[in-house]
Amino acid sequence: MSTTDESEAITNEYLTSTRNMALQSTTILTFGELLIYIDEPHKAQKYFESLLIHNKEFNAPIYHMLDLAYVVPQDFSKALDSMMLARELFMFTIPSNFQLVAYSTSSIARILYH
């Protein structure tokens, strides 16, 4: 089976998009989110920071979750830094995920409000 350049590009774009969407709902991120919800934000911070070291390709969703881990203990400066990084990374992923860019921008406004 042979593919044209256009169909190969479409397939690659779809696979990249699907992989990025799957990562955002994986158990890896869910475990850290669970730590936040059981009132262990410091453990969640350490967990997400260790993920940043090992999963450089998927840093945007990790920074996004790290924002939540900083907001709970009201460390708004670090939360803002994390969300700014997440927003920037979401903007420059291929293909861009504008829904997450918008959500990140909204979260930045929420942090600045505090």
PDB file of N, CA and C in Angstrom:
ATOM      1  N   MET A   1       0.847  -1.177   0.000  1.00  0.00           N
ATOM      2  CA  MET A   1       0.000   0.000   0.000  1.00  0.00           C
ATOM      3  C   MET A   1       0.888   1.234   0.000  1.00  0.00           C
ATOM      4  N   SER A   2       0.655   2.133  -0.912  1.00  0.00           N
ATOM      5  CA  SER A   2       1.442   3.357  -0.962  1.00  0.00           C
ATOM      6  C   SER A   2       0.551   4.542  -0.615  1.00  0.00           C
ATOM      7  N   THR A   3       1.175   5.560  -0.079  1.00  0.00           N
ATOM      8  CA  THR A   3       0.420   6.753   0.310  1.00  0.00           C
ATOM      9  C   THR A   3       0.986   7.963  -0.399  1.00  0.00           C
ATOM     10  N   THR A   4       0.147   8.930  -0.586  1.00  0.00           N
ATOM     11  CA  THR A   4       0.623  10.186  -1.142  1.00  0.00           C
ATOM     12  C   THR A   4       1.183  11.033  -0.010  1.00  0.00           C
ATOM     13  N   ASP A   5       1.931  12.039  -0.370  1.00  0.00           N
ATOM     14  CA  ASP A   5       2.492  12.937   0.644  1.00  0.00           C
ATOM     15  C   ASP A   5       1.392  13.600   1.468  1.00  0.00           C
ATOM     16  N   GLU A   6       0.310  13.973   0.808  1.00  0.00           N
ATOM     17  CA  GLU A   6      -0.787  14.637   1.516  1.00  0.00           C
ATOM     18  C   GLU A   6      -1.459  13.698   2.517  1.00  0.00           C
ATOM     19  N   SER A   7      -1.736  12.478   2.095  1.00  0.00           N
ATOM     20  CA  SER A   7      -2.394  11.545   3.018  1.00  0.00           C
ATOM     21  C   SER A   7      -1.464  11.145   4.155  1.00  0.00           C
ATOM     22  N   GLU A   8      -0.174  11.079   3.879  1.00  0.00           N
ATOM     23  CA  GLU A   8       0.788  10.780   4.945  1.00  0.00           C
ATOM     24  C   GLU A   8       0.834  11.916   5.963  1.00  0.00           C
ATOM     25  N   ALA A   9       0.794  13.152   5.493  1.00  0.00           N
ATOM     26  CA  ALA A   9       0.798  14.305   6.395  1.00  0.00           C
ATOM     27  C   ALA A   9      -0.464  14.323   7.251  1.00  0.00           C
ATOM     28  N   ILE A  10      -1.608  14.020   6.640  1.00  0.00           N
ATOM     29  CA  ILE A  10      -2.870  13.988   7.389  1.00  0.00           C
ATOM     30  C   ILE A  10      -2.832  12.894   8.446  1.00  0.00           C
ATOM     31  N   THR A  11      -2.312  11.740   8.072  1.00  0.00           N
ATOM     32  CA  THR A  11      -2.207  10.625   9.021  1.00  0.00           C
ATOM     33  C   THR A  11      -1.287  10.975  10.177  1.00  0.00           C
ATOM     34  N   ASN A  12      -0.142  11.574   9.874  1.00  0.00           N
ATOM     35  CA  ASN A  12       0.799  11.965  10.936  1.00  0.00           C
ATOM     36  C   ASN A  12       0.192  13.008  11.863  1.00  0.00           C
ATOM     37  N   GLU A  13      -0.543  13.959  11.298  1.00  0.00           N
ATOM     38  CA  GLU A  13      -1.200  14.983  12.122  1.00  0.00           C
ATOM     39  C   GLU A  13      -2.232  14.339  13.046  1.00  0.00           C
ATOM     40  N   TYR A  14      -2.994  13.395  12.504  1.00  0.00           N
ATOM     41  CA  TYR A  14      -4.001  12.704  13.311  1.00  0.00           C
ATOM     42  C   TYR A  14      -3.344  11.911  14.440  1.00  0.00           C
ATOM     43  N   LEU A  15      -2.278  11.190  14.126  1.00  0.00           N
ATOM     44  CA  LEU A  15      -1.599  10.388  15.147  1.00  0.00           C
ATOM     45  C   LEU A  15      -1.004  11.267  16.246  1.00  0.00           C
ATOM     46  N   THR A  16      -0.425  12.393  15.860  1.00  0.00           N
ATOM     47  CA  THR A  16       0.134  13.318  16.844  1.00  0.00           C
ATOM     48  C   THR A  16      -0.965  13.874  17.739  1.00  0.00           C
ATOM     49  N   SER A  17      -2.063  14.280  17.130  1.00  0.00           N
ATOM     50  CA  SER A  17      -3.183  14.824  17.898  1.00  0.00           C
ATOM     51  C   SER A  17      -3.763  13.777  18.839  1.00  0.00           C
ATOM     52  N   THR A  18      -3.934  12.568  18.355  1.00  0.00           N
ATOM     53  CA  THR A  18      -4.487  11.487  19.175  1.00  0.00           C
ATOM     54  C   THR A  18      -3.563  11.159  20.336  1.00  0.00           C
ATOM     55  N   ARG A  19      -2.266  11.108  20.073  1.00  0.00           N
ATOM     56  CA  ARG A  19      -1.301  10.812  21.131  1.00  0.00           C
ATOM     57  C   ARG A  19      -1.336  11.888  22.204  1.00  0.00           C
ATOM     58  N   ASN A  20      -1.392  13.150  21.797  1.00  0.00           N
ATOM     59  CA  ASN A  20      -1.436  14.241  22.771  1.00  0.00           C
ATOM     60  C   ASN A  20      -2.724  14.207  23.586  1.00  0.00           C
ATOM     61  N   MET A  21      -3.850  13.902  22.953  1.00  0.00           N
ATOM     62  CA  MET A  21      -5.117  13.828  23.686  1.00  0.00           C
ATOM     63  C   MET A  21      -5.104  12.655  24.656  1.00  0.00           C
ATOM     64  N   ALA A  22      -4.510  11.546  24.251  1.00  0.00           N
ATOM     65  CA  ALA A  22      -4.456  10.377  25.127  1.00  0.00           C
ATOM     66  C   ALA A  22      -3.606  10.666  26.354  1.00  0.00           C
ATOM     67  N   LEU A  23      -2.515  11.391  26.165  1.00  0.00           N
ATOM     68  CA  LEU A  23      -1.640  11.686  27.302  1.00  0.00           C
ATOM     69  C   LEU A  23      -2.369  12.504  28.351  1.00  0.00           C
ATOM     70  N   GLN A  24      -3.214  13.426  27.920  1.00  0.00           N
ATOM     71  CA  GLN A  24      -3.883  14.317  28.852  1.00  0.00           C
ATOM     72  C   GLN A  24      -4.868  13.589  29.754  1.00  0.00           C
ATOM     73  N   SER A  25      -5.180  12.352  29.448  1.00  0.00           N
ATOM     74  CA  SER A  25      -6.123  11.619  30.283  1.00  0.00           C
ATOM     75  C   SER A  25      -5.533  10.311  30.801  1.00  0.00           C
ATOM     76  N   THR A  26      -4.227  10.199  30.793  1.00  0.00           N
ATOM     77  CA  THR A  26      -3.611   8.946  31.213  1.00  0.00           C
ATOM     78  C   THR A  26      -3.603   8.811  32.724  1.00  0.00           C
ATOM     79  N   THR A  27      -3.369   7.605  33.159  1.00  0.00           N
ATOM     80  CA  THR A  27      -3.289   7.345  34.595  1.00  0.00           C
ATOM     81  C   THR A  27      -2.084   8.038  35.212  1.00  0.00           C
ATOM     82  N   ILE A  28      -1.077   8.325  34.411  1.00  0.00           N
ATOM     83  CA  ILE A  28       0.102   9.027  34.935  1.00  0.00           C
ATOM     84  C   ILE A  28      -0.317  10.376  35.507  1.00  0.00           C
ATOM     85  N   LEU A  29      -1.090  11.131  34.747  1.00  0.00           N
ATOM     86  CA  LEU A  29      -1.548  12.436  35.220  1.00  0.00           C
ATOM     87  C   LEU A  29      -2.647  12.289  36.262  1.00  0.00           C
ATOM     88  N   THR A  30      -3.471  11.277  36.115  1.00  0.00           N
ATOM     89  CA  THR A  30      -4.573  11.066  37.050  1.00  0.00           C
ATOM     90  C   THR A  30      -4.062  10.771  38.453  1.00  0.00           C
ATOM     91  N   PHE A  31      -2.956  10.043  38.555  1.00  0.00           N
ATOM     92  CA  PHE A  31      -2.395   9.747  39.872  1.00  0.00           C
ATOM     93  C   PHE A  31      -1.989  11.034  40.585  1.00  0.00           C
ATOM     94  N   GLY A  32      -1.319  11.942  39.875  1.00  0.00           N
ATOM     95  CA  GLY A  32      -0.947  13.217  40.474  1.00  0.00           C
ATOM     96  C   GLY A  32      -2.154  14.044  40.853  1.00  0.00           C
ATOM     97  N   GLU A  33      -3.179  14.000  40.013  1.00  0.00           N
ATOM     98  CA  GLU A  33      -4.416  14.728  40.316  1.00  0.00           C
ATOM     99  C   GLU A  33      -5.077  14.156  41.570  1.00  0.00           C
ATOM    100  N   LEU A  34      -5.029  12.850  41.718  1.00  0.00           N
ATOM    101  CA  LEU A  34      -5.573  12.212  42.919  1.00  0.00           C
ATOM    102  C   LEU A  34      -4.847  12.701  44.171  1.00  0.00           C
ATOM    103  N   LEU A  35      -3.523  12.843  44.087  1.00  0.00           N
ATOM    104  CA  LEU A  35      -2.763  13.366  45.227  1.00  0.00           C
ATOM    105  C   LEU A  35      -3.245  14.763  45.617  1.00  0.00           C
ATOM    106  N   ILE A  36      -3.562  15.576  44.629  1.00  0.00           N
ATOM    107  CA  ILE A  36      -4.071  16.921  44.910  1.00  0.00           C
ATOM    108  C   ILE A  36      -5.410  16.833  45.632  1.00  0.00           C
ATOM    109  N   TYR A  37      -6.297  15.981  45.137  1.00  0.00           N
ATOM    110  CA  TYR A  37      -7.647  15.892  45.699  1.00  0.00           C
ATOM    111  C   TYR A  37      -7.703  15.240  47.073  1.00  0.00           C
ATOM    112  N   ILE A  38      -6.676  14.463  47.439  1.00  0.00           N
ATOM    113  CA  ILE A  38      -6.659  13.899  48.796  1.00  0.00           C
ATOM    114  C   ILE A  38      -5.831  14.775  49.723  1.00  0.00           C
ATOM    115  N   ASP A  39      -5.652  16.029  49.304  1.00  0.00           N
ATOM    116  CA  ASP A  39      -4.980  17.046  50.111  1.00  0.00           C
ATOM    117  C   ASP A  39      -3.514  16.720  50.372  1.00  0.00           C
ATOM    118  N   GLU A  40      -2.829  16.282  49.313  1.00  0.00           N
ATOM    119  CA  GLU A  40      -1.389  16.037  49.356  1.00  0.00           C
ATOM    120  C   GLU A  40      -0.711  16.820  48.227  1.00  0.00           C
ATOM    121  N   PRO A  41      -0.893  18.157  48.188  1.00  0.00           N
ATOM    122  CA  PRO A  41      -0.361  18.918  47.061  1.00  0.00           C
ATOM    123  C   PRO A  41       1.162  18.897  46.972  1.00  0.00           C
ATOM    124  N   HIS A  42       1.846  18.802  48.104  1.00  0.00           N
ATOM    125  CA  HIS A  42       3.310  18.780  48.060  1.00  0.00           C
ATOM    126  C   HIS A  42       3.817  17.484  47.436  1.00  0.00           C
ATOM    127  N   LYS A  43       3.141  16.383  47.722  1.00  0.00           N
ATOM    128  CA  LYS A  43       3.500  15.115  47.078  1.00  0.00           C
ATOM    129  C   LYS A  43       3.196  15.181  45.583  1.00  0.00           C
ATOM    130  N   ALA A  44       2.095  15.825  45.226  1.00  0.00           N
ATOM    131  CA  ALA A  44       1.742  15.982  43.817  1.00  0.00           C
ATOM    132  C   ALA A  44       2.779  16.841  43.099  1.00  0.00           C
ATOM    133  N   GLN A  45       3.254  17.902  43.761  1.00  0.00           N
ATOM    134  CA  GLN A  45       4.284  18.748  43.161  1.00  0.00           C
ATOM    135  C   GLN A  45       5.536  17.935  42.866  1.00  0.00           C
ATOM    136  N   LYS A  46       5.988  17.164  43.833  1.00  0.00           N
ATOM    137  CA  LYS A  46       7.183  16.333  43.633  1.00  0.00           C
ATOM    138  C   LYS A  46       6.953  15.316  42.522  1.00  0.00           C
ATOM    139  N   TYR A  47       5.771  14.731  42.499  1.00  0.00           N
ATOM    140  CA  TYR A  47       5.434  13.735  41.487  1.00  0.00           C
ATOM    141  C   TYR A  47       5.483  14.352  40.089  1.00  0.00           C
ATOM    142  N   PHE A  48       4.812  15.489  39.898  1.00  0.00           N
ATOM    143  CA  PHE A  48       4.791  16.126  38.585  1.00  0.00           C
ATOM    144  C   PHE A  48       6.177  16.633  38.188  1.00  0.00           C
ATOM    145  N   GLU A  49       6.938  17.155  39.137  1.00  0.00           N
ATOM    146  CA  GLU A  49       8.292  17.613  38.824  1.00  0.00           C
ATOM    147  C   GLU A  49       9.169  16.454  38.372  1.00  0.00           C
ATOM    148  N   SER A  50       8.982  15.271  38.956  1.00  0.00           N
ATOM    149  CA  SER A  50       9.758  14.110  38.507  1.00  0.00           C
ATOM    150  C   SER A  50       9.307  13.671  37.112  1.00  0.00           C
ATOM    151  N   LEU A  51       8.031  13.848  36.789  1.00  0.00           N
ATOM    152  CA  LEU A  51       7.557  13.524  35.443  1.00  0.00           C
ATOM    153  C   LEU A  51       8.163  14.449  34.396  1.00  0.00           C
ATOM    154  N   LEU A  52       8.386  15.711  34.765  1.00  0.00           N
ATOM    155  CA  LEU A  52       8.977  16.662  33.817  1.00  0.00           C
ATOM    156  C   LEU A  52      10.350  16.199  33.359  1.00  0.00           C
ATOM    157  N   ILE A  53      11.089  15.578  34.241  1.00  0.00           N
ATOM    158  CA  ILE A  53      12.434  15.115  33.926  1.00  0.00           C
ATOM    159  C   ILE A  53      12.387  13.965  32.929  1.00  0.00           C
ATOM    160  N   HIS A  54      11.422  13.074  33.085  1.00  0.00           N
ATOM    161  CA  HIS A  54      11.393  11.846  32.295  1.00  0.00           C
ATOM    162  C   HIS A  54      10.503  11.916  31.059  1.00  0.00           C
ATOM    163  N   ASN A  55       9.650  12.891  30.940  1.00  0.00           N
ATOM    164  CA  ASN A  55       8.687  12.961  29.834  1.00  0.00           C
ATOM    165  C   ASN A  55       8.735  14.312  29.144  1.00  0.00           C
ATOM    166  N   LYS A  56       9.886  14.705  28.648  1.00  0.00           N
ATOM    167  CA  LYS A  56      10.031  16.044  28.085  1.00  0.00           C
ATOM    168  C   LYS A  56       9.098  16.300  26.907  1.00  0.00           C
ATOM    169  N   GLU A  57       8.727  15.259  26.192  1.00  0.00           N
ATOM    170  CA  GLU A  57       7.851  15.429  25.039  1.00  0.00           C
ATOM    171  C   GLU A  57       6.443  15.866  25.455  1.00  0.00           C
ATOM    172  N   PHE A  58       6.037  15.552  26.678  1.00  0.00           N
ATOM    173  CA  PHE A  58       4.671  15.811  27.133  1.00  0.00           C
ATOM    174  C   PHE A  58       4.625  16.804  28.289  1.00  0.00           C
ATOM    175  N   ASN A  59       5.511  17.772  28.278  1.00  0.00           N
ATOM    176  CA  ASN A  59       5.587  18.708  29.395  1.00  0.00           C
ATOM    177  C   ASN A  59       4.368  19.611  29.540  1.00  0.00           C
ATOM    178  N   ALA A  60       3.693  19.956  28.462  1.00  0.00           N
ATOM    179  CA  ALA A  60       2.566  20.896  28.554  1.00  0.00           C
ATOM    180  C   ALA A  60       1.477  20.405  29.502  1.00  0.00           C
ATOM    181  N   PRO A  61       0.962  19.175  29.347  1.00  0.00           N
ATOM    182  CA  PRO A  61      -0.066  18.733  30.297  1.00  0.00           C
ATOM    183  C   PRO A  61       0.471  18.571  31.718  1.00  0.00           C
ATOM    184  N   ILE A  62       1.754  18.260  31.838  1.00  0.00           N
ATOM    185  CA  ILE A  62       2.346  18.108  33.174  1.00  0.00           C
ATOM    186  C   ILE A  62       2.415  19.469  33.861  1.00  0.00           C
ATOM    187  N   TYR A  63       2.868  20.496  33.141  1.00  0.00           N
ATOM    188  CA  TYR A  63       2.884  21.849  33.715  1.00  0.00           C
ATOM    189  C   TYR A  63       1.469  22.300  34.067  1.00  0.00           C
ATOM    190  N   HIS A  64       0.522  21.925  33.233  1.00  0.00           N
ATOM    191  CA  HIS A  64      -0.876  22.283  33.497  1.00  0.00           C
ATOM    192  C   HIS A  64      -1.344  21.680  34.827  1.00  0.00           C
ATOM    193  N   MET A  65      -1.029  20.429  35.068  1.00  0.00           N
ATOM    194  CA  MET A  65      -1.425  19.780  36.321  1.00  0.00           C
ATOM    195  C   MET A  65      -0.612  20.317  37.498  1.00  0.00           C
ATOM    196  N   LEU A  66       0.634  20.671  37.242  1.00  0.00           N
ATOM    197  CA  LEU A  66       1.481  21.230  38.299  1.00  0.00           C
ATOM    198  C   LEU A  66       0.896  22.542  38.809  1.00  0.00           C
ATOM    199  N   ASP A  67       0.249  23.282  37.926  1.00  0.00           N
ATOM    200  CA  ASP A  67      -0.448  24.506  38.335  1.00  0.00           C
ATOM    201  C   ASP A  67      -1.446  24.205  39.444  1.00  0.00           C
ATOM    202  N   LEU A  68      -2.227  23.161  39.283  1.00  0.00           N
ATOM    203  CA  LEU A  68      -3.213  22.798  40.311  1.00  0.00           C
ATOM    204  C   LEU A  68      -2.541  22.444  41.628  1.00  0.00           C
ATOM    205  N   ALA A  69      -1.405  21.769  41.540  1.00  0.00           N
ATOM    206  CA  ALA A  69      -0.688  21.377  42.755  1.00  0.00           C
ATOM    207  C   ALA A  69      -0.155  22.594  43.509  1.00  0.00           C
ATOM    208  N   TYR A  70       0.140  23.678  42.796  1.00  0.00           N
ATOM    209  CA  TYR A  70       0.620  24.892  43.458  1.00  0.00           C
ATOM    210  C   TYR A  70      -0.526  25.768  43.966  1.00  0.00           C
ATOM    211  N   VAL A  71      -1.671  25.729  43.297  1.00  0.00           N
ATOM    212  CA  VAL A  71      -2.799  26.573  43.701  1.00  0.00           C
ATOM    213  C   VAL A  71      -3.373  26.130  45.045  1.00  0.00           C
ATOM    214  N   VAL A  72      -3.439  24.826  45.284  1.00  0.00           N
ATOM    215  CA  VAL A  72      -4.048  24.321  46.524  1.00  0.00           C
ATOM    216  C   VAL A  72      -3.377  24.910  47.763  1.00  0.00           C
ATOM    217  N   PRO A  73      -2.019  24.888  47.865  1.00  0.00           N
ATOM    218  CA  PRO A  73      -1.403  25.517  49.042  1.00  0.00           C
ATOM    219  C   PRO A  73      -1.213  27.033  48.882  1.00  0.00           C
ATOM    220  N   GLN A  74      -1.826  27.594  47.837  1.00  0.00           N
ATOM    221  CA  GLN A  74      -1.807  29.030  47.556  1.00  0.00           C
ATOM    222  C   GLN A  74      -0.418  29.575  47.242  1.00  0.00           C
ATOM    223  N   ASP A  75       0.364  28.809  46.509  1.00  0.00           N
ATOM    224  CA  ASP A  75       1.652  29.274  46.006  1.00  0.00           C
ATOM    225  C   ASP A  75       1.408  29.808  44.590  1.00  0.00           C
ATOM    226  N   PHE A  76       0.797  30.992  44.527  1.00  0.00           N
ATOM    227  CA  PHE A  76       0.313  31.523  43.263  1.00  0.00           C
ATOM    228  C   PHE A  76       1.435  31.912  42.306  1.00  0.00           C
ATOM    229  N   SER A  77       2.595  32.284  42.806  1.00  0.00           N
ATOM    230  CA  SER A  77       3.709  32.638  41.937  1.00  0.00           C
ATOM    231  C   SER A  77       4.163  31.428  41.119  1.00  0.00           C
ATOM    232  N   LYS A  78       4.344  30.297  41.788  1.00  0.00           N
ATOM    233  CA  LYS A  78       4.750  29.081  41.079  1.00  0.00           C
ATOM    234  C   LYS A  78       3.620  28.568  40.190  1.00  0.00           C
ATOM    235  N   ALA A  79       2.388  28.716  40.645  1.00  0.00           N
ATOM    236  CA  ALA A  79       1.240  28.294  39.833  1.00  0.00           C
ATOM    237  C   ALA A  79       1.194  29.096  38.535  1.00  0.00           C
ATOM    238  N   LEU A  80       1.432  30.396  38.638  1.00  0.00           N
ATOM    239  CA  LEU A  80       1.432  31.254  37.457  1.00  0.00           C
ATOM    240  C   LEU A  80       2.551  30.855  36.502  1.00  0.00           C
ATOM    241  N   ASP A  81       3.746  30.617  37.026  1.00  0.00           N
ATOM    242  CA  ASP A  81       4.867  30.198  36.180  1.00  0.00           C
ATOM    243  C   ASP A  81       4.544  28.899  35.446  1.00  0.00           C
ATOM    244  N   SER A  82       3.968  27.942  36.158  1.00  0.00           N
ATOM    245  CA  SER A  82       3.628  26.655  35.546  1.00  0.00           C
ATOM    246  C   SER A  82       2.582  26.811  34.452  1.00  0.00           C
ATOM    247  N   MET A  83       1.565  27.606  34.721  1.00  0.00           N
ATOM    248  CA  MET A  83       0.500  27.761  33.735  1.00  0.00           C
ATOM    249  C   MET A  83       0.975  28.552  32.525  1.00  0.00           C
ATOM    250  N   MET A  84       1.850  29.530  32.721  1.00  0.00           N
ATOM    251  CA  MET A  84       2.410  30.272  31.589  1.00  0.00           C
ATOM    252  C   MET A  84       3.212  29.328  30.694  1.00  0.00           C
ATOM    253  N   LEU A  85       4.011  28.458  31.308  1.00  0.00           N
ATOM    254  CA  LEU A  85       4.768  27.477  30.525  1.00  0.00           C
ATOM    255  C   LEU A  85       3.835  26.515  29.801  1.00  0.00           C
ATOM    256  N   ALA A  86       2.807  26.046  30.484  1.00  0.00           N
ATOM    257  CA  ALA A  86       1.849  25.130  29.855  1.00  0.00           C
ATOM    258  C   ALA A  86       1.188  25.795  28.654  1.00  0.00           C
ATOM    259  N   ARG A  87       0.759  27.040  28.829  1.00  0.00           N
ATOM    260  CA  ARG A  87       0.092  27.765  27.740  1.00  0.00           C
ATOM    261  C   ARG A  87       1.015  27.915  26.542  1.00  0.00           C
ATOM    262  N   GLU A  88       2.252  28.293  26.804  1.00  0.00           N
ATOM    263  CA  GLU A  88       3.212  28.461  25.715  1.00  0.00           C
ATOM    264  C   GLU A  88       3.449  27.137  24.990  1.00  0.00           C
ATOM    265  N   LEU A  89       3.612  26.064  25.744  1.00  0.00           N
ATOM    266  CA  LEU A  89       3.839  24.764  25.124  1.00  0.00           C
ATOM    267  C   LEU A  89       2.610  24.287  24.352  1.00  0.00           C
ATOM    268  N   PHE A  90       1.407  24.517  24.881  1.00  0.00           N
ATOM    269  CA  PHE A  90       0.195  24.148  24.151  1.00  0.00           C
ATOM    270  C   PHE A  90       0.092  24.934  22.844  1.00  0.00           C
ATOM    271  N   MET A  91       0.516  26.200  22.847  1.00  0.00           N
ATOM    272  CA  MET A  91       0.437  27.029  21.645  1.00  0.00           C
ATOM    273  C   MET A  91       1.347  26.515  20.547  1.00  0.00           C
ATOM    274  N   PHE A  92       2.493  25.964  20.921  1.00  0.00           N
ATOM    275  CA  PHE A  92       3.481  25.589  19.921  1.00  0.00           C
ATOM    276  C   PHE A  92       3.541  24.096  19.640  1.00  0.00           C
ATOM    277  N   THR A  93       2.578  23.330  20.164  1.00  0.00           N
ATOM    278  CA  THR A  93       2.511  21.930  19.775  1.00  0.00           C
ATOM    279  C   THR A  93       1.948  21.857  18.362  1.00  0.00           C
ATOM    280  N   ILE A  94       2.259  20.790  17.692  1.00  0.00           N
ATOM    281  CA  ILE A  94       1.767  20.613  16.332  1.00  0.00           C
ATOM    282  C   ILE A  94       0.878  19.386  16.324  1.00  0.00           C
ATOM    283  N   PRO A  95      -0.376  19.501  16.016  1.00  0.00           N
ATOM    284  CA  PRO A  95      -1.129  20.729  15.777  1.00  0.00           C
ATOM    285  C   PRO A  95      -1.447  21.424  17.098  1.00  0.00           C
ATOM    286  N   SER A  96      -1.621  22.730  17.027  1.00  0.00           N
ATOM    287  CA  SER A  96      -1.925  23.504  18.231  1.00  0.00           C
ATOM    288  C   SER A  96      -3.264  23.071  18.813  1.00  0.00           C
ATOM    289  N   ASN A  97      -3.326  23.055  20.126  1.00  0.00           N
ATOM    290  CA  ASN A  97      -4.572  22.693  20.803  1.00  0.00           C
ATOM    291  C   ASN A  97      -5.159  23.973  21.385  1.00  0.00           C
ATOM    292  N   PHE A  98      -5.977  24.650  20.589  1.00  0.00           N
ATOM    293  CA  PHE A  98      -6.483  25.962  20.981  1.00  0.00           C
ATOM    294  C   PHE A  98      -7.441  25.900  22.162  1.00  0.00           C
ATOM    295  N   GLN A  99      -8.116  24.778  22.336  1.00  0.00           N
ATOM    296  CA  GLN A  99      -8.998  24.644  23.492  1.00  0.00           C
ATOM    297  C   GLN A  99      -8.176  24.690  24.776  1.00  0.00           C
ATOM    298  N   LEU A 100      -7.038  24.010  24.803  1.00  0.00           N
ATOM    299  CA  LEU A 100      -6.193  24.033  25.995  1.00  0.00           C
ATOM    300  C   LEU A 100      -5.470  25.366  26.152  1.00  0.00           C
ATOM    301  N   VAL A 101      -5.168  26.030  25.040  1.00  0.00           N
ATOM    302  CA  VAL A 101      -4.582  27.375  25.118  1.00  0.00           C
ATOM    303  C   VAL A 101      -5.587  28.317  25.778  1.00  0.00           C
ATOM    304  N   ALA A 102      -6.843  28.234  25.367  1.00  0.00           N
ATOM    305  CA  ALA A 102      -7.885  29.091  25.957  1.00  0.00           C
ATOM    306  C   ALA A 102      -8.083  28.771  27.434  1.00  0.00           C
ATOM    307  N   TYR A 103      -8.111  27.491  27.770  1.00  0.00           N
ATOM    308  CA  TYR A 103      -8.285  27.100  29.169  1.00  0.00           C
ATOM    309  C   TYR A 103      -7.102  27.582  30.009  1.00  0.00           C
ATOM    310  N   SER A 104      -5.895  27.479  29.455  1.00  0.00           N
ATOM    311  CA  SER A 104      -4.703  27.944  30.170  1.00  0.00           C
ATOM    312  C   SER A 104      -4.754  29.448  30.389  1.00  0.00           C
ATOM    313  N   THR A 105      -5.203  30.176  29.374  1.00  0.00           N
ATOM    314  CA  THR A 105      -5.327  31.627  29.502  1.00  0.00           C
ATOM    315  C   THR A 105      -6.338  31.983  30.586  1.00  0.00           C
ATOM    316  N   SER A 106      -7.435  31.260  30.635  1.00  0.00           N
ATOM    317  CA  SER A 106      -8.437  31.467  31.681  1.00  0.00           C
ATOM    318  C   SER A 106      -7.856  31.170  33.066  1.00  0.00           C
ATOM    319  N   SER A 107      -7.062  30.124  33.161  1.00  0.00           N
ATOM    320  CA  SER A 107      -6.435  29.773  34.441  1.00  0.00           C
ATOM    321  C   SER A 107      -5.435  30.831  34.879  1.00  0.00           C
ATOM    322  N   ILE A 108      -4.719  31.414  33.920  1.00  0.00           N
ATOM    323  CA  ILE A 108      -3.776  32.487  34.239  1.00  0.00           C
ATOM    324  C   ILE A 108      -4.537  33.680  34.823  1.00  0.00           C
ATOM    325  N   ALA A 109      -5.671  34.018  34.218  1.00  0.00           N
ATOM    326  CA  ALA A 109      -6.492  35.118  34.742  1.00  0.00           C
ATOM    327  C   ALA A 109      -6.985  34.805  36.150  1.00  0.00           C
ATOM    328  N   ARG A 110      -7.375  33.569  36.384  1.00  0.00           N
ATOM    329  CA  ARG A 110      -7.845  33.156  37.714  1.00  0.00           C
ATOM    330  C   ARG A 110      -6.732  33.312  38.748  1.00  0.00           C
ATOM    331  N   ILE A 111      -5.517  32.929  38.381  1.00  0.00           N
ATOM    332  CA  ILE A 111      -4.381  33.042  39.305  1.00  0.00           C
ATOM    333  C   ILE A 111      -4.074  34.512  39.584  1.00  0.00           C
ATOM    334  N   LEU A 112      -4.077  35.327  38.540  1.00  0.00           N
ATOM    335  CA  LEU A 112      -3.784  36.752  38.718  1.00  0.00           C
ATOM    336  C   LEU A 112      -4.845  37.447  39.564  1.00  0.00           C
ATOM    337  N   TYR A 113      -6.064  36.953  39.525  1.00  0.00           N
ATOM    338  CA  TYR A 113      -7.143  37.522  40.329  1.00  0.00           C
ATOM    339  C   TYR A 113      -6.866  37.350  41.821  1.00  0.00           C
ATOM    340  N   HIS A 114      -6.207  36.254  42.189  1.00  0.00           N
ATOM    341  CA  HIS A 114      -5.908  36.013  43.605  1.00  0.00           C
ATOM    342  C   HIS A 114      -4.755  36.872  43.964  1.00  0.00           C
TER     343      HIS A 114
END
